[in-house]
């Protein structure tokens, strides 16, 4: 997979290509979603790599990989693993809330430095309509 993260201006013109990070997404189908916290003065770029069960935080200019949550290509329901994460949100205190979706069906809260704080939720049971 090539050119999986790139930046365009408001006219759709390519202004940056972060292809130095392509190797993180090989065989995954690419990033699931990208977000920047409105509360982060560093404006880190968070990328959900659901295919490898990880979330990556990059410097705003894309030059540095600052943090990775989850263990590459390993899924489990514990404090260090993710299970096909789908989305993330940010709280004013800098903490990160992750929808650890398709495999684990839970929500995980990390502090601003990526340290595990807590998790909640589990798979529900499907009921048949009568």
C-alpha atoms as a PDB file:
ATOM      1  CA  UNK A   1       0.000   0.000   0.000  1.00  0.00           C
ATOM      2  CA  UNK A   2       1.426   3.378  -0.983  1.00  0.00           C
ATOM      3  CA  UNK A   3       0.661   6.973  -0.004  1.00  0.00           C
ATOM      4  CA  UNK A   4      -1.826   6.039   2.704  1.00  0.00           C
ATOM      5  CA  UNK A   5      -1.544   9.317   4.638  1.00  0.00           C
ATOM      6  CA  UNK A   6      -1.453  12.588   2.765  1.00  0.00           C
ATOM      7  CA  UNK A   7      -2.471  16.196   3.339  1.00  0.00           C
ATOM      8  CA  UNK A   8      -4.445  18.326   0.926  1.00  0.00           C
ATOM      9  CA  UNK A   9      -5.353  21.999   1.090  1.00  0.00           C
ATOM     10  CA  UNK A  10      -8.891  23.392   0.965  1.00  0.00           C
ATOM     11  CA  UNK A  11      -8.818  23.175  -2.832  1.00  0.00           C
ATOM     12  CA  UNK A  12      -7.900  19.486  -2.785  1.00  0.00           C
ATOM     13  CA  UNK A  13      -4.302  20.078  -3.886  1.00  0.00           C
ATOM     14  CA  UNK A  14      -1.751  17.646  -2.435  1.00  0.00           C
ATOM     15  CA  UNK A  15       0.619  19.543  -0.138  1.00  0.00           C
ATOM     16  CA  UNK A  16       2.225  16.721   1.892  1.00  0.00           C
ATOM     17  CA  UNK A  17       2.712  12.978   1.547  1.00  0.00           C
ATOM     18  CA  UNK A  18       3.572  10.999   4.659  1.00  0.00           C
ATOM     19  CA  UNK A  19       4.685   7.923   2.713  1.00  0.00           C
ATOM     20  CA  UNK A  20       7.452   7.227   5.256  1.00  0.00           C
ATOM     21  CA  UNK A  21       4.666   5.612   7.335  1.00  0.00           C
ATOM     22  CA  UNK A  22       3.243   3.386   4.585  1.00  0.00           C
ATOM     23  CA  UNK A  23       4.928   0.324   6.098  1.00  0.00           C
ATOM     24  CA  UNK A  24       2.663   0.583   9.170  1.00  0.00           C
ATOM     25  CA  UNK A  25      -0.381  -0.113   6.997  1.00  0.00           C
ATOM     26  CA  UNK A  26       0.859  -2.808   4.609  1.00  0.00           C
ATOM     27  CA  UNK A  27      -1.784  -5.478   4.193  1.00  0.00           C
ATOM     28  CA  UNK A  28      -4.350  -3.599   6.293  1.00  0.00           C
ATOM     29  CA  UNK A  29      -6.413  -1.694   3.744  1.00  0.00           C
ATOM     30  CA  UNK A  30      -5.037   1.576   5.103  1.00  0.00           C
ATOM     31  CA  UNK A  31      -6.028   3.840   7.988  1.00  0.00           C
ATOM     32  CA  UNK A  32      -9.532   3.422   9.368  1.00  0.00           C
ATOM     33  CA  UNK A  33      -9.798   7.049  10.518  1.00  0.00           C
ATOM     34  CA  UNK A  34      -7.695  10.097  11.368  1.00  0.00           C
ATOM     35  CA  UNK A  35      -8.321  12.703  14.082  1.00  0.00           C
ATOM     36  CA  UNK A  36      -6.737  15.673  15.859  1.00  0.00           C
ATOM     37  CA  UNK A  37      -7.770  16.598  19.388  1.00  0.00           C
ATOM     38  CA  UNK A  38      -9.163  20.114  19.718  1.00  0.00           C
ATOM     39  CA  UNK A  39      -7.580  20.194  23.202  1.00  0.00           C
ATOM     40  CA  UNK A  40      -4.023  19.242  22.184  1.00  0.00           C
ATOM     41  CA  UNK A  41      -1.657  22.228  21.847  1.00  0.00           C
ATOM     42  CA  UNK A  42       0.756  20.008  19.863  1.00  0.00           C
ATOM     43  CA  UNK A  43      -2.046  19.097  17.402  1.00  0.00           C
ATOM     44  CA  UNK A  44      -0.858  15.465  17.206  1.00  0.00           C
ATOM     45  CA  UNK A  45      -2.391  13.435  14.386  1.00  0.00           C
ATOM     46  CA  UNK A  46      -4.041  10.213  15.569  1.00  0.00           C
ATOM     47  CA  UNK A  47      -4.521   7.396  13.064  1.00  0.00           C
ATOM     48  CA  UNK A  48      -6.605   4.292  13.751  1.00  0.00           C
ATOM     49  CA  UNK A  49      -4.923   1.246  12.209  1.00  0.00           C
ATOM     50  CA  UNK A  50      -7.694  -1.275  12.845  1.00  0.00           C
ATOM     51  CA  UNK A  51      -6.136  -3.870  10.541  1.00  0.00           C
ATOM     52  CA  UNK A  52      -3.134  -4.186  12.869  1.00  0.00           C
ATOM     53  CA  UNK A  53      -5.066  -3.540  16.116  1.00  0.00           C
ATOM     54  CA  UNK A  54      -3.234  -0.285  16.799  1.00  0.00           C
ATOM     55  CA  UNK A  55      -3.598   3.479  17.044  1.00  0.00           C
ATOM     56  CA  UNK A  56      -0.657   5.714  16.117  1.00  0.00           C
ATOM     57  CA  UNK A  57       0.011   9.305  17.198  1.00  0.00           C
ATOM     58  CA  UNK A  58       2.205  11.391  14.888  1.00  0.00           C
ATOM     59  CA  UNK A  59       3.663  14.859  15.239  1.00  0.00           C
ATOM     60  CA  UNK A  60       1.553  17.420  13.415  1.00  0.00           C
ATOM     61  CA  UNK A  61       4.115  17.697  10.614  1.00  0.00           C
ATOM     62  CA  UNK A  62       4.161  13.895  10.193  1.00  0.00           C
ATOM     63  CA  UNK A  63       7.886  13.615  10.818  1.00  0.00           C
ATOM     64  CA  UNK A  64       7.732  11.642  14.075  1.00  0.00           C
ATOM     65  CA  UNK A  65       5.793   8.650  15.322  1.00  0.00           C
ATOM     66  CA  UNK A  66       5.193   9.728  18.919  1.00  0.00           C
ATOM     67  CA  UNK A  67       3.138   6.885  20.335  1.00  0.00           C
ATOM     68  CA  UNK A  68       1.445   3.620  19.430  1.00  0.00           C
ATOM     69  CA  UNK A  69      -1.387   2.069  21.392  1.00  0.00           C
ATOM     70  CA  UNK A  70      -1.898  -1.680  21.001  1.00  0.00           C
ATOM     71  CA  UNK A  71       0.415  -4.495  19.962  1.00  0.00           C
ATOM     72  CA  UNK A  72       0.969  -4.983  16.236  1.00  0.00           C
ATOM     73  CA  UNK A  73      -1.101  -7.841  14.783  1.00  0.00           C
ATOM     74  CA  UNK A  74      -2.133  -9.097  18.237  1.00  0.00           C
ATOM     75  CA  UNK A  75      -5.616  -8.827  19.653  1.00  0.00           C
ATOM     76  CA  UNK A  76      -6.644  -9.441  23.238  1.00  0.00           C
ATOM     77  CA  UNK A  77      -8.940  -7.905  25.816  1.00  0.00           C
ATOM     78  CA  UNK A  78      -6.433  -6.492  28.307  1.00  0.00           C
ATOM     79  CA  UNK A  79      -4.593  -3.261  29.155  1.00  0.00           C
ATOM     80  CA  UNK A  80      -1.992  -3.423  26.362  1.00  0.00           C
ATOM     81  CA  UNK A  81      -3.944  -4.845  23.414  1.00  0.00           C
ATOM     82  CA  UNK A  82      -6.686  -3.534  21.167  1.00  0.00           C
ATOM     83  CA  UNK A  83      -9.175  -5.539  19.153  1.00  0.00           C
ATOM     84  CA  UNK A  84      -9.955  -3.908  15.806  1.00  0.00           C
ATOM     85  CA  UNK A  85     -10.332  -0.339  17.144  1.00  0.00           C
ATOM     86  CA  UNK A  86     -12.825   1.810  15.260  1.00  0.00           C
ATOM     87  CA  UNK A  87     -12.733   5.374  16.578  1.00  0.00           C
ATOM     88  CA  UNK A  88     -11.372   7.675  19.253  1.00  0.00           C
ATOM     89  CA  UNK A  89     -12.396  10.830  21.057  1.00  0.00           C
ATOM     90  CA  UNK A  90     -10.572  13.335  23.225  1.00  0.00           C
ATOM     91  CA  UNK A  91     -11.444  14.873  26.578  1.00  0.00           C
ATOM     92  CA  UNK A  92     -10.445  18.335  27.808  1.00  0.00           C
ATOM     93  CA  UNK A  93      -7.885  16.885  30.239  1.00  0.00           C
ATOM     94  CA  UNK A  94      -6.033  15.330  27.275  1.00  0.00           C
ATOM     95  CA  UNK A  95      -7.233  11.788  27.882  1.00  0.00           C
ATOM     96  CA  UNK A  96      -8.184   9.576  24.953  1.00  0.00           C
ATOM     97  CA  UNK A  97     -11.298   7.399  24.705  1.00  0.00           C
ATOM     98  CA  UNK A  98     -11.080   4.526  22.228  1.00  0.00           C
ATOM     99  CA  UNK A  99     -13.969   2.570  20.732  1.00  0.00           C
ATOM    100  CA  UNK A 100     -12.240  -0.809  20.757  1.00  0.00           C
ATOM    101  CA  UNK A 101     -14.875  -2.167  18.506  1.00  0.00           C
ATOM    102  CA  UNK A 102     -15.233  -5.176  16.342  1.00  0.00           C
ATOM    103  CA  UNK A 103     -13.307  -7.744  18.365  1.00  0.00           C
ATOM    104  CA  UNK A 104     -13.509  -6.501  21.968  1.00  0.00           C
ATOM    105  CA  UNK A 105     -16.712  -4.419  22.006  1.00  0.00           C
ATOM    106  CA  UNK A 106     -15.467  -2.156  24.764  1.00  0.00           C
ATOM    107  CA  UNK A 107     -14.465   1.430  25.399  1.00  0.00           C
ATOM    108  CA  UNK A 108     -10.976   2.139  26.754  1.00  0.00           C
ATOM    109  CA  UNK A 109      -9.756   5.330  28.402  1.00  0.00           C
ATOM    110  CA  UNK A 110      -6.068   6.281  28.250  1.00  0.00           C
ATOM    111  CA  UNK A 111      -4.400   9.311  29.784  1.00  0.00           C
ATOM    112  CA  UNK A 112      -2.754  11.950  27.571  1.00  0.00           C
ATOM    113  CA  UNK A 113       0.479   9.922  27.564  1.00  0.00           C
ATOM    114  CA  UNK A 114      -1.221   6.714  26.404  1.00  0.00           C
ATOM    115  CA  UNK A 115      -1.294   5.017  29.807  1.00  0.00           C
ATOM    116  CA  UNK A 116      -4.283   2.710  30.343  1.00  0.00           C
ATOM    117  CA  UNK A 117      -6.790   4.056  32.870  1.00  0.00           C
ATOM    118  CA  UNK A 118      -9.946   1.942  32.577  1.00  0.00           C
ATOM    119  CA  UNK A 119     -12.257   0.078  30.227  1.00  0.00           C
ATOM    120  CA  UNK A 120     -15.949  -0.752  30.160  1.00  0.00           C
ATOM    121  CA  UNK A 121     -18.497  -2.583  28.067  1.00  0.00           C
ATOM    122  CA  UNK A 122     -18.753  -5.974  26.407  1.00  0.00           C
ATOM    123  CA  UNK A 123     -20.635  -7.742  23.656  1.00  0.00           C
ATOM    124  CA  UNK A 124     -24.367  -7.786  24.046  1.00  0.00           C
ATOM    125  CA  UNK A 125     -26.734 -10.601  23.179  1.00  0.00           C
ATOM    126  CA  UNK A 126     -28.822 -10.469  20.071  1.00  0.00           C
ATOM    127  CA  UNK A 127     -32.508 -11.103  20.701  1.00  0.00           C
ATOM    128  CA  UNK A 128     -34.844 -12.453  18.110  1.00  0.00           C
ATOM    129  CA  UNK A 129     -37.989 -10.489  17.445  1.00  0.00           C
ATOM    130  CA  UNK A 130     -41.176 -12.334  18.324  1.00  0.00           C
END
